[in-house]
Amino acid sequence: MLRFYILFDKENKDLRETDKTLFTLLKTTHWIIECYHRALKQLCGINKFIVRKSEAFID
């Protein structure tokens, strides 16, 4: 069975072919980041915090 792995490059806006090793590494890294974010949301309640782009006005 022949498989092809293709990555999308956001900067060049094109597709490029890759090998299975790099694809597996990127997918594993992506999954670790997803698990980290899920743990932050579920265990730390990070989704209850409000984040601002600028400082709050203090009277």
Protein backbone atom coordinates (compact mmCIF):
# COMPACT_ATOMS: atom_id res chain seq x y z
CA MET A 1 0.00 0.00 0.00
CA LEU A 2 1.41 3.37 -1.04
CA ARG A 3 0.68 6.43 1.10
CA PHE A 4 1.37 10.09 0.47
CA TYR A 5 1.76 12.74 3.17
CA ILE A 6 1.25 16.38 2.27
CA LEU A 7 1.77 19.48 4.43
CA PHE A 8 0.26 22.92 3.90
CA ASP A 9 2.73 25.78 4.21
CA LYS A 10 0.90 28.87 5.51
CA GLU A 11 3.67 31.27 4.51
CA ASN A 12 3.97 30.13 0.89
CA LYS A 13 0.31 29.08 0.62
CA ASP A 14 1.15 25.85 -1.14
CA LEU A 15 1.32 22.13 -0.50
CA ARG A 16 4.52 20.17 -0.13
CA GLU A 17 5.19 16.48 0.07
CA THR A 18 6.83 15.00 3.15
CA ASP A 19 7.92 11.61 4.40
CA LYS A 20 6.19 9.48 7.01
CA THR A 21 8.79 10.21 9.71
CA LEU A 22 8.30 13.98 9.62
CA PHE A 23 4.52 13.62 9.36
CA THR A 24 4.45 11.34 12.42
CA LEU A 25 6.66 13.73 14.38
CA LEU A 26 4.44 16.72 13.56
CA LYS A 27 1.24 14.82 14.36
CA THR A 28 2.66 13.61 17.69
CA THR A 29 3.76 17.14 18.61
CA HIS A 30 0.32 18.48 17.68
CA TRP A 31 -1.39 15.87 19.86
CA ILE A 32 0.84 16.68 22.87
CA ILE A 33 -0.09 20.37 22.56
CA GLU A 34 -3.80 19.49 22.32
CA CYS A 35 -3.59 17.35 25.49
CA TYR A 36 -1.79 20.18 27.30
CA HIS A 37 -4.53 22.68 26.39
CA ARG A 38 -7.26 20.25 27.40
CA ALA A 39 -5.61 19.73 30.78
CA LEU A 40 -5.34 23.49 31.31
CA LYS A 41 -9.04 23.89 30.58
CA GLN A 42 -10.30 20.92 32.61
CA LEU A 43 -7.94 20.83 35.58
CA CYS A 44 -6.89 24.45 36.00
CA GLY A 45 -10.08 26.15 34.83
CA ILE A 46 -8.11 28.41 32.51
CA ASN A 47 -11.20 29.06 30.39
CA LYS A 48 -12.72 31.05 33.29
CA PHE A 49 -10.00 33.71 33.15
CA ILE A 50 -10.52 36.87 31.14
CA VAL A 51 -7.62 38.04 29.02
CA ARG A 52 -7.32 41.61 27.76
CA LYS A 53 -5.21 43.02 24.98
CA SER A 54 -4.56 46.23 26.92
CA GLU A 55 -4.38 47.28 30.55
CA ALA A 56 -7.59 48.01 32.41
CA PHE A 57 -8.41 51.65 33.12
CA ILE A 58 -7.97 52.46 36.82
CA ASP A 59 -9.67 55.54 38.26
